[in-house]
Amino acid sequence: MAHALIHAEFRDYDEWKPVFEELASLRGRYGSQGTRIFRADDHPNEAVILTEFRDEQEARRMFQSDEFREATQRAGVTTPPKIEFLDEVDSLVS
């Protein structure tokens, strides 16, 4: 499993979110196993997204696809998303 941590900035969350939801099928085609979105109260037009993928190379192909690029423009993303790939090294239960 690979995890993609994405930092996105956009004009307006309510403009961005429907396009992000529309991309569920794209994420699924590239092996997404689930996505979580986080926002800070004092930065409503920024999100940190954590997506789990079956394979990092497939995930990289999705982020490089024309369909992904077009969707980010349509969603009002204002700067290229920052994408990092992470490997889970531990899981703790409190």
PDB file of N, CA and C in Angstrom:
ATOM      1  N   MET A   1       0.831  -1.186   0.000  1.00  0.00           N
ATOM      2  CA  MET A   1       0.000   0.000   0.000  1.00  0.00           C
ATOM      3  C   MET A   1       0.876   1.250   0.000  1.00  0.00           C
ATOM      4  N   ALA A   2       0.383   2.253  -0.645  1.00  0.00           N
ATOM      5  CA  ALA A   2       1.054   3.557  -0.669  1.00  0.00           C
ATOM      6  C   ALA A   2       0.032   4.601  -0.248  1.00  0.00           C
ATOM      7  N   HIS A   3       0.518   5.628   0.398  1.00  0.00           N
ATOM      8  CA  HIS A   3      -0.336   6.731   0.803  1.00  0.00           C
ATOM      9  C   HIS A   3       0.143   7.996   0.106  1.00  0.00           C
ATOM     10  N   ALA A   4      -0.800   8.737  -0.451  1.00  0.00           N
ATOM     11  CA  ALA A   4      -0.477  10.027  -1.052  1.00  0.00           C
ATOM     12  C   ALA A   4      -1.020  11.105  -0.119  1.00  0.00           C
ATOM     13  N   LEU A   5      -0.148  12.021   0.259  1.00  0.00           N
ATOM     14  CA  LEU A   5      -0.526  13.164   1.076  1.00  0.00           C
ATOM     15  C   LEU A   5      -0.497  14.377   0.158  1.00  0.00           C
ATOM     16  N   ILE A   6      -1.644  14.997  -0.032  1.00  0.00           N
ATOM     17  CA  ILE A   6      -1.778  16.085  -0.996  1.00  0.00           C
ATOM     18  C   ILE A   6      -2.182  17.355  -0.263  1.00  0.00           C
ATOM     19  N   HIS A   7      -1.472  18.439  -0.550  1.00  0.00           N
ATOM     20  CA  HIS A   7      -1.856  19.750  -0.022  1.00  0.00           C
ATOM     21  C   HIS A   7      -2.378  20.549  -1.204  1.00  0.00           C
ATOM     22  N   ALA A   8      -3.650  20.971  -1.110  1.00  0.00           N
ATOM     23  CA  ALA A   8      -4.289  21.699  -2.208  1.00  0.00           C
ATOM     24  C   ALA A   8      -4.803  23.046  -1.712  1.00  0.00           C
ATOM     25  N   GLU A   9      -4.636  24.044  -2.560  1.00  0.00           N
ATOM     26  CA  GLU A   9      -5.194  25.370  -2.300  1.00  0.00           C
ATOM     27  C   GLU A   9      -6.139  25.692  -3.449  1.00  0.00           C
ATOM     28  N   PHE A  10      -7.295  26.277  -3.121  1.00  0.00           N
ATOM     29  CA  PHE A  10      -8.302  26.537  -4.128  1.00  0.00           C
ATOM     30  C   PHE A  10      -9.017  27.845  -3.819  1.00  0.00           C
ATOM     31  N   ARG A  11      -9.741  28.350  -4.825  1.00  0.00           N
ATOM     32  CA  ARG A  11     -10.469  29.614  -4.651  1.00  0.00           C
ATOM     33  C   ARG A  11     -11.552  29.497  -3.599  1.00  0.00           C
ATOM     34  N   ASP A  12     -12.294  28.364  -3.641  1.00  0.00           N
ATOM     35  CA  ASP A  12     -13.436  28.216  -2.755  1.00  0.00           C
ATOM     36  C   ASP A  12     -13.707  26.732  -2.538  1.00  0.00           C
ATOM     37  N   TYR A  13     -13.802  26.323  -1.286  1.00  0.00           N
ATOM     38  CA  TYR A  13     -14.024  24.911  -0.961  1.00  0.00           C
ATOM     39  C   TYR A  13     -15.298  24.377  -1.615  1.00  0.00           C
ATOM     40  N   ASP A  14     -16.367  25.176  -1.584  1.00  0.00           N
ATOM     41  CA  ASP A  14     -17.640  24.723  -2.143  1.00  0.00           C
ATOM     42  C   ASP A  14     -17.592  24.566  -3.662  1.00  0.00           C
ATOM     43  N   GLU A  15     -16.669  25.218  -4.316  1.00  0.00           N
ATOM     44  CA  GLU A  15     -16.440  25.044  -5.752  1.00  0.00           C
ATOM     45  C   GLU A  15     -15.580  23.802  -5.991  1.00  0.00           C
ATOM     46  N   TRP A  16     -14.591  23.594  -5.135  1.00  0.00           N
ATOM     47  CA  TRP A  16     -13.631  22.489  -5.281  1.00  0.00           C
ATOM     48  C   TRP A  16     -14.238  21.132  -4.968  1.00  0.00           C
ATOM     49  N   LYS A  17     -15.008  21.042  -3.889  1.00  0.00           N
ATOM     50  CA  LYS A  17     -15.466  19.751  -3.360  1.00  0.00           C
ATOM     51  C   LYS A  17     -16.272  18.927  -4.355  1.00  0.00           C
ATOM     52  N   PRO A  18     -17.240  19.488  -5.098  1.00  0.00           N
ATOM     53  CA  PRO A  18     -17.986  18.654  -6.050  1.00  0.00           C
ATOM     54  C   PRO A  18     -17.092  18.048  -7.141  1.00  0.00           C
ATOM     55  N   VAL A  19     -16.105  18.791  -7.596  1.00  0.00           N
ATOM     56  CA  VAL A  19     -15.192  18.256  -8.610  1.00  0.00           C
ATOM     57  C   VAL A  19     -14.358  17.141  -7.998  1.00  0.00           C
ATOM     58  N   PHE A  20     -13.911  17.324  -6.758  1.00  0.00           N
ATOM     59  CA  PHE A  20     -13.149  16.281  -6.068  1.00  0.00           C
ATOM     60  C   PHE A  20     -13.999  15.011  -5.942  1.00  0.00           C
ATOM     61  N   GLU A  21     -15.249  15.166  -5.555  1.00  0.00           N
ATOM     62  CA  GLU A  21     -16.134  14.001  -5.428  1.00  0.00           C
ATOM     63  C   GLU A  21     -16.353  13.322  -6.774  1.00  0.00           C
ATOM     64  N   GLU A  22     -16.461  14.105  -7.831  1.00  0.00           N
ATOM     65  CA  GLU A  22     -16.634  13.587  -9.185  1.00  0.00           C
ATOM     66  C   GLU A  22     -15.458  12.698  -9.594  1.00  0.00           C
ATOM     67  N   LEU A  23     -14.282  12.965  -9.042  1.00  0.00           N
ATOM     68  CA  LEU A  23     -13.077  12.214  -9.393  1.00  0.00           C
ATOM     69  C   LEU A  23     -12.954  10.877  -8.656  1.00  0.00           C
ATOM     70  N   ALA A  24     -13.960  10.489  -7.890  1.00  0.00           N
ATOM     71  CA  ALA A  24     -13.907   9.200  -7.186  1.00  0.00           C
ATOM     72  C   ALA A  24     -13.681   8.050  -8.167  1.00  0.00           C
ATOM     73  N   SER A  25     -14.322   8.111  -9.322  1.00  0.00           N
ATOM     74  CA  SER A  25     -14.151   7.023 -10.300  1.00  0.00           C
ATOM     75  C   SER A  25     -12.727   7.021 -10.861  1.00  0.00           C
ATOM     76  N   LEU A  26     -12.151   8.199 -11.083  1.00  0.00           N
ATOM     77  CA  LEU A  26     -10.757   8.272 -11.549  1.00  0.00           C
ATOM     78  C   LEU A  26      -9.828   7.672 -10.495  1.00  0.00           C
ATOM     79  N   ARG A  27     -10.001   8.085  -9.247  1.00  0.00           N
ATOM     80  CA  ARG A  27      -9.163   7.538  -8.182  1.00  0.00           C
ATOM     81  C   ARG A  27      -9.312   6.018  -8.105  1.00  0.00           C
ATOM     82  N   GLY A  28     -10.540   5.543  -8.245  1.00  0.00           N
ATOM     83  CA  GLY A  28     -10.782   4.101  -8.197  1.00  0.00           C
ATOM     84  C   GLY A  28     -10.085   3.352  -9.318  1.00  0.00           C
ATOM     85  N   ARG A  29     -10.087   3.925 -10.509  1.00  0.00           N
ATOM     86  CA  ARG A  29      -9.411   3.273 -11.644  1.00  0.00           C
ATOM     87  C   ARG A  29      -7.915   3.138 -11.408  1.00  0.00           C
ATOM     88  N   TYR A  30      -7.349   4.039 -10.615  1.00  0.00           N
ATOM     89  CA  TYR A  30      -5.913   4.001 -10.337  1.00  0.00           C
ATOM     90  C   TYR A  30      -5.604   3.360  -8.986  1.00  0.00           C
ATOM     91  N   GLY A  31      -6.573   2.676  -8.401  1.00  0.00           N
ATOM     92  CA  GLY A  31      -6.305   1.864  -7.220  1.00  0.00           C
ATOM     93  C   GLY A  31      -6.511   2.531  -5.878  1.00  0.00           C
ATOM     94  N   SER A  32      -7.271   3.619  -5.831  1.00  0.00           N
ATOM     95  CA  SER A  32      -7.542   4.261  -4.542  1.00  0.00           C
ATOM     96  C   SER A  32      -8.333   3.317  -3.650  1.00  0.00           C
ATOM     97  N   GLN A  33      -7.926   3.252  -2.387  1.00  0.00           N
ATOM     98  CA  GLN A  33      -8.604   2.427  -1.399  1.00  0.00           C
ATOM     99  C   GLN A  33      -9.413   3.271  -0.413  1.00  0.00           C
ATOM    100  N   GLY A  34      -9.362   4.586  -0.570  1.00  0.00           N
ATOM    101  CA  GLY A  34     -10.100   5.474   0.316  1.00  0.00           C
ATOM    102  C   GLY A  34      -9.386   6.798   0.474  1.00  0.00           C
ATOM    103  N   THR A  35     -10.152   7.824   0.793  1.00  0.00           N
ATOM    104  CA  THR A  35      -9.620   9.174   0.872  1.00  0.00           C
ATOM    105  C   THR A  35     -10.201   9.884   2.089  1.00  0.00           C
ATOM    106  N   ARG A  36      -9.364  10.677   2.737  1.00  0.00           N
ATOM    107  CA  ARG A  36      -9.806  11.523   3.848  1.00  0.00           C
ATOM    108  C   ARG A  36      -9.363  12.956   3.561  1.00  0.00           C
ATOM    109  N   ILE A  37     -10.229  13.908   3.876  1.00  0.00           N
ATOM    110  CA  ILE A  37      -9.957  15.327   3.639  1.00  0.00           C
ATOM    111  C   ILE A  37      -9.915  16.030   4.989  1.00  0.00           C
ATOM    112  N   PHE A  38      -8.901  16.895   5.159  1.00  0.00           N
ATOM    113  CA  PHE A  38      -8.742  17.666   6.387  1.00  0.00           C
ATOM    114  C   PHE A  38      -8.618  19.144   6.041  1.00  0.00           C
ATOM    115  N   ARG A  39      -9.190  19.999   6.893  1.00  0.00           N
ATOM    116  CA  ARG A  39      -9.041  21.446   6.740  1.00  0.00           C
ATOM    117  C   ARG A  39      -8.841  22.064   8.110  1.00  0.00           C
ATOM    118  N   ALA A  40      -8.115  23.170   8.147  1.00  0.00           N
ATOM    119  CA  ALA A  40      -7.978  23.956   9.363  1.00  0.00           C
ATOM    120  C   ALA A  40      -9.011  25.079   9.336  1.00  0.00           C
ATOM    121  N   ASP A  41      -9.567  25.404  10.483  1.00  0.00           N
ATOM    122  CA  ASP A  41     -10.585  26.458  10.558  1.00  0.00           C
ATOM    123  C   ASP A  41     -10.089  27.788  10.011  1.00  0.00           C
ATOM    124  N   ASP A  42      -8.810  28.082  10.227  1.00  0.00           N
ATOM    125  CA  ASP A  42      -8.292  29.386   9.806  1.00  0.00           C
ATOM    126  C   ASP A  42      -7.770  29.400   8.373  1.00  0.00           C
ATOM    127  N   HIS A  43      -7.901  28.285   7.643  1.00  0.00           N
ATOM    128  CA  HIS A  43      -7.511  28.210   6.228  1.00  0.00           C
ATOM    129  C   HIS A  43      -8.586  27.444   5.449  1.00  0.00           C
ATOM    130  N   PRO A  44      -9.767  28.051   5.286  1.00  0.00           N
ATOM    131  CA  PRO A  44     -10.888  27.314   4.687  1.00  0.00           C
ATOM    132  C   PRO A  44     -10.704  26.965   3.212  1.00  0.00           C
ATOM    133  N   ASN A  45      -9.781  27.612   2.525  1.00  0.00           N
ATOM    134  CA  ASN A  45      -9.569  27.334   1.104  1.00  0.00           C
ATOM    135  C   ASN A  45      -8.299  26.529   0.860  1.00  0.00           C
ATOM    136  N   GLU A  46      -7.936  25.737   1.856  1.00  0.00           N
ATOM    137  CA  GLU A  46      -6.823  24.795   1.737  1.00  0.00           C
ATOM    138  C   GLU A  46      -7.283  23.465   2.323  1.00  0.00           C
ATOM    139  N   ALA A  47      -6.789  22.400   1.743  1.00  0.00           N
ATOM    140  CA  ALA A  47      -7.113  21.073   2.268  1.00  0.00           C
ATOM    141  C   ALA A  47      -5.872  20.193   2.224  1.00  0.00           C
ATOM    142  N   VAL A  48      -5.817  19.284   3.168  1.00  0.00           N
ATOM    143  CA  VAL A  48      -4.825  18.219   3.164  1.00  0.00           C
ATOM    144  C   VAL A  48      -5.622  16.943   2.946  1.00  0.00           C
ATOM    145  N   ILE A  49      -5.231  16.200   1.933  1.00  0.00           N
ATOM    146  CA  ILE A  49      -5.963  15.006   1.529  1.00  0.00           C
ATOM    147  C   ILE A  49      -5.037  13.806   1.680  1.00  0.00           C
ATOM    148  N   LEU A  50      -5.535  12.761   2.307  1.00  0.00           N
ATOM    149  CA  LEU A  50      -4.775  11.528   2.471  1.00  0.00           C
ATOM    150  C   LEU A  50      -5.517  10.432   1.729  1.00  0.00           C
ATOM    151  N   THR A  51      -4.868   9.876   0.719  1.00  0.00           N
ATOM    152  CA  THR A  51      -5.471   8.808  -0.082  1.00  0.00           C
ATOM    153  C   THR A  51      -4.580   7.582  -0.040  1.00  0.00           C
ATOM    154  N   GLU A  52      -5.197   6.444   0.174  1.00  0.00           N
ATOM    155  CA  GLU A  52      -4.471   5.176   0.175  1.00  0.00           C
ATOM    156  C   GLU A  52      -4.636   4.523  -1.200  1.00  0.00           C
ATOM    157  N   PHE A  53      -3.530   4.089  -1.773  1.00  0.00           N
ATOM    158  CA  PHE A  53      -3.528   3.432  -3.074  1.00  0.00           C
ATOM    159  C   PHE A  53      -2.925   2.040  -2.953  1.00  0.00           C
ATOM    160  N   ARG A  54      -3.361   1.146  -3.820  1.00  0.00           N
ATOM    161  CA  ARG A  54      -2.766  -0.194  -3.864  1.00  0.00           C
ATOM    162  C   ARG A  54      -1.311  -0.145  -4.308  1.00  0.00           C
ATOM    163  N   ASP A  55      -0.992   0.799  -5.232  1.00  0.00           N
ATOM    164  CA  ASP A  55       0.330   0.815  -5.846  1.00  0.00           C
ATOM    165  C   ASP A  55       0.764   2.263  -6.094  1.00  0.00           C
ATOM    166  N   GLU A  56       1.957   2.611  -5.662  1.00  0.00           N
ATOM    167  CA  GLU A  56       2.444   3.982  -5.817  1.00  0.00           C
ATOM    168  C   GLU A  56       2.594   4.380  -7.278  1.00  0.00           C
ATOM    169  N   GLN A  57       3.062   3.485  -8.125  1.00  0.00           N
ATOM    170  CA  GLN A  57       3.258   3.837  -9.537  1.00  0.00           C
ATOM    171  C   GLN A  57       1.923   4.158 -10.212  1.00  0.00           C
ATOM    172  N   GLU A  58       0.880   3.407  -9.874  1.00  0.00           N
ATOM    173  CA  GLU A  58      -0.447   3.700 -10.426  1.00  0.00           C
ATOM    174  C   GLU A  58      -0.919   5.067  -9.942  1.00  0.00           C
ATOM    175  N   ALA A  59      -0.702   5.364  -8.677  1.00  0.00           N
ATOM    176  CA  ALA A  59      -1.093   6.665  -8.126  1.00  0.00           C
ATOM    177  C   ALA A  59      -0.350   7.782  -8.847  1.00  0.00           C
ATOM    178  N   ARG A  60       0.938   7.607  -9.061  1.00  0.00           N
ATOM    179  CA  ARG A  60       1.721   8.625  -9.777  1.00  0.00           C
ATOM    180  C   ARG A  60       1.162   8.852 -11.181  1.00  0.00           C
ATOM    181  N   ARG A  61       0.759   7.775 -11.847  1.00  0.00           N
ATOM    182  CA  ARG A  61       0.175   7.911 -13.188  1.00  0.00           C
ATOM    183  C   ARG A  61      -1.120   8.729 -13.138  1.00  0.00           C
ATOM    184  N   MET A  62      -1.914   8.528 -12.095  1.00  0.00           N
ATOM    185  CA  MET A  62      -3.148   9.296 -11.986  1.00  0.00           C
ATOM    186  C   MET A  62      -2.844  10.787 -11.849  1.00  0.00           C
ATOM    187  N   PHE A  63      -1.905  11.137 -10.963  1.00  0.00           N
ATOM    188  CA  PHE A  63      -1.594  12.543 -10.738  1.00  0.00           C
ATOM    189  C   PHE A  63      -0.963  13.200 -11.967  1.00  0.00           C
ATOM    190  N   GLN A  64      -0.411  12.408 -12.878  1.00  0.00           N
ATOM    191  CA  GLN A  64       0.183  12.943 -14.101  1.00  0.00           C
ATOM    192  C   GLN A  64      -0.786  12.927 -15.281  1.00  0.00           C
ATOM    193  N   SER A  65      -1.973  12.402 -15.061  1.00  0.00           N
ATOM    194  CA  SER A  65      -2.921  12.260 -16.170  1.00  0.00           C
ATOM    195  C   SER A  65      -3.535  13.600 -16.563  1.00  0.00           C
ATOM    196  N   ASP A  66      -3.917  13.691 -17.833  1.00  0.00           N
ATOM    197  CA  ASP A  66      -4.604  14.883 -18.334  1.00  0.00           C
ATOM    198  C   ASP A  66      -5.927  15.085 -17.609  1.00  0.00           C
ATOM    199  N   GLU A  67      -6.608  13.999 -17.297  1.00  0.00           N
ATOM    200  CA  GLU A  67      -7.901  14.093 -16.616  1.00  0.00           C
ATOM    201  C   GLU A  67      -7.742  14.737 -15.232  1.00  0.00           C
ATOM    202  N   PHE A  68      -6.684  14.367 -14.509  1.00  0.00           N
ATOM    203  CA  PHE A  68      -6.437  14.975 -13.199  1.00  0.00           C
ATOM    204  C   PHE A  68      -6.100  16.456 -13.343  1.00  0.00           C
ATOM    205  N   ARG A  69      -5.231  16.774 -14.284  1.00  0.00           N
ATOM    206  CA  ARG A  69      -4.840  18.177 -14.497  1.00  0.00           C
ATOM    207  C   ARG A  69      -6.047  19.044 -14.867  1.00  0.00           C
ATOM    208  N   GLU A  70      -6.882  18.539 -15.761  1.00  0.00           N
ATOM    209  CA  GLU A  70      -8.064  19.288 -16.181  1.00  0.00           C
ATOM    210  C   GLU A  70      -9.005  19.510 -14.998  1.00  0.00           C
ATOM    211  N   ALA A  71      -9.170  18.490 -14.178  1.00  0.00           N
ATOM    212  CA  ALA A  71     -10.077  18.602 -13.030  1.00  0.00           C
ATOM    213  C   ALA A  71      -9.567  19.621 -12.018  1.00  0.00           C
ATOM    214  N   THR A  72      -8.267  19.680 -11.795  1.00  0.00           N
ATOM    215  CA  THR A  72      -7.747  20.659 -10.838  1.00  0.00           C
ATOM    216  C   THR A  72      -8.021  22.080 -11.322  1.00  0.00           C
ATOM    217  N   GLN A  73      -7.924  22.297 -12.613  1.00  0.00           N
ATOM    218  CA  GLN A  73      -8.239  23.620 -13.162  1.00  0.00           C
ATOM    219  C   GLN A  73      -9.719  23.932 -12.999  1.00  0.00           C
ATOM    220  N   ARG A  74     -10.558  22.969 -13.326  1.00  0.00           N
ATOM    221  CA  ARG A  74     -12.006  23.142 -13.229  1.00  0.00           C
ATOM    222  C   ARG A  74     -12.454  23.364 -11.785  1.00  0.00           C
ATOM    223  N   ALA A  75     -11.720  22.784 -10.841  1.00  0.00           N
ATOM    224  CA  ALA A  75     -12.074  22.887  -9.421  1.00  0.00           C
ATOM    225  C   ALA A  75     -11.594  24.188  -8.783  1.00  0.00           C
ATOM    226  N   GLY A  76     -10.872  25.003  -9.529  1.00  0.00           N
ATOM    227  CA  GLY A  76     -10.403  26.269  -8.975  1.00  0.00           C
ATOM    228  C   GLY A  76      -9.157  26.150  -8.127  1.00  0.00           C
ATOM    229  N   VAL A  77      -8.359  25.101  -8.364  1.00  0.00           N
ATOM    230  CA  VAL A  77      -7.097  24.953  -7.636  1.00  0.00           C
ATOM    231  C   VAL A  77      -6.174  26.078  -8.085  1.00  0.00           C
ATOM    232  N   THR A  78      -5.597  26.804  -7.125  1.00  0.00           N
ATOM    233  CA  THR A  78      -4.856  28.026  -7.447  1.00  0.00           C
ATOM    234  C   THR A  78      -3.357  27.819  -7.611  1.00  0.00           C
ATOM    235  N   THR A  79      -2.806  26.763  -7.037  1.00  0.00           N
ATOM    236  CA  THR A  79      -1.389  26.428  -7.213  1.00  0.00           C
ATOM    237  C   THR A  79      -1.296  24.921  -7.430  1.00  0.00           C
ATOM    238  N   PRO A  80      -0.270  24.447  -8.105  1.00  0.00           N
ATOM    239  CA  PRO A  80      -0.157  22.999  -8.292  1.00  0.00           C
ATOM    240  C   PRO A  80      -0.175  22.281  -6.936  1.00  0.00           C
ATOM    241  N   PRO A  81      -0.978  21.237  -6.807  1.00  0.00           N
ATOM    242  CA  PRO A  81      -1.019  20.510  -5.539  1.00  0.00           C
ATOM    243  C   PRO A  81       0.356  19.939  -5.195  1.00  0.00           C
ATOM    244  N   LYS A  82       0.690  19.983  -3.928  1.00  0.00           N
ATOM    245  CA  LYS A  82       1.932  19.367  -3.449  1.00  0.00           C
ATOM    246  C   LYS A  82       1.582  17.930  -3.058  1.00  0.00           C
ATOM    247  N   ILE A  83       2.280  16.975  -3.665  1.00  0.00           N
ATOM    248  CA  ILE A  83       1.966  15.562  -3.458  1.00  0.00           C
ATOM    249  C   ILE A  83       3.204  14.856  -2.921  1.00  0.00           C
ATOM    250  N   GLU A  84       3.027  14.162  -1.799  1.00  0.00           N
ATOM    251  CA  GLU A  84       4.096  13.355  -1.211  1.00  0.00           C
ATOM    252  C   GLU A  84       3.588  11.931  -1.059  1.00  0.00           C
ATOM    253  N   PHE A  85       4.467  10.964  -1.268  1.00  0.00           N
ATOM    254  CA  PHE A  85       4.107   9.570  -1.064  1.00  0.00           C
ATOM    255  C   PHE A  85       4.741   9.080   0.227  1.00  0.00           C
ATOM    256  N   LEU A  86       3.922   8.400   1.032  1.00  0.00           N
ATOM    257  CA  LEU A  86       4.346   7.948   2.356  1.00  0.00           C
ATOM    258  C   LEU A  86       4.144   6.457   2.479  1.00  0.00           C
ATOM    259  N   ASP A  87       5.033   5.814   3.209  1.00  0.00           N
ATOM    260  CA  ASP A  87       4.877   4.409   3.572  1.00  0.00           C
ATOM    261  C   ASP A  87       4.496   4.344   5.040  1.00  0.00           C
ATOM    262  N   GLU A  88       3.477   3.586   5.350  1.00  0.00           N
ATOM    263  CA  GLU A  88       3.079   3.414   6.741  1.00  0.00           C
ATOM    264  C   GLU A  88       4.101   2.524   7.432  1.00  0.00           C
ATOM    265  N   VAL A  89       4.636   2.996   8.542  1.00  0.00           N
ATOM    266  CA  VAL A  89       5.642   2.225   9.270  1.00  0.00           C
ATOM    267  C   VAL A  89       5.113   1.671  10.578  1.00  0.00           C
ATOM    268  N   ASP A  90       3.978   2.190  11.049  1.00  0.00           N
ATOM    269  CA  ASP A  90       3.429   1.714  12.300  1.00  0.00           C
ATOM    270  C   ASP A  90       1.994   2.169  12.424  1.00  0.00           C
ATOM    271  N   SER A  91       1.239   1.489  13.224  1.00  0.00           N
ATOM    272  CA  SER A  91      -0.135   1.854  13.508  1.00  0.00           C
ATOM    273  C   SER A  91      -0.363   1.657  14.996  1.00  0.00           C
ATOM    274  N   LEU A  92      -0.738   2.718  15.692  1.00  0.00           N
ATOM    275  CA  LEU A  92      -0.913   2.657  17.136  1.00  0.00           C
ATOM    276  C   LEU A  92      -2.381   2.877  17.483  1.00  0.00           C
ATOM    277  N   VAL A  93      -2.832   2.205  18.471  1.00  0.00           N
ATOM    278  CA  VAL A  93      -4.190   2.373  18.966  1.00  0.00           C
ATOM    279  C   VAL A  93      -4.089   2.939  20.367  1.00  0.00           C
ATOM    280  N   SER A  94      -4.761   4.066  20.609  1.00  0.00           N
ATOM    281  CA  SER A  94      -4.716   4.700  21.926  1.00  0.00           C
ATOM    282  C   SER A  94      -5.780   4.140  22.827  1.00  0.00           C
TER     283      SER A  94
END
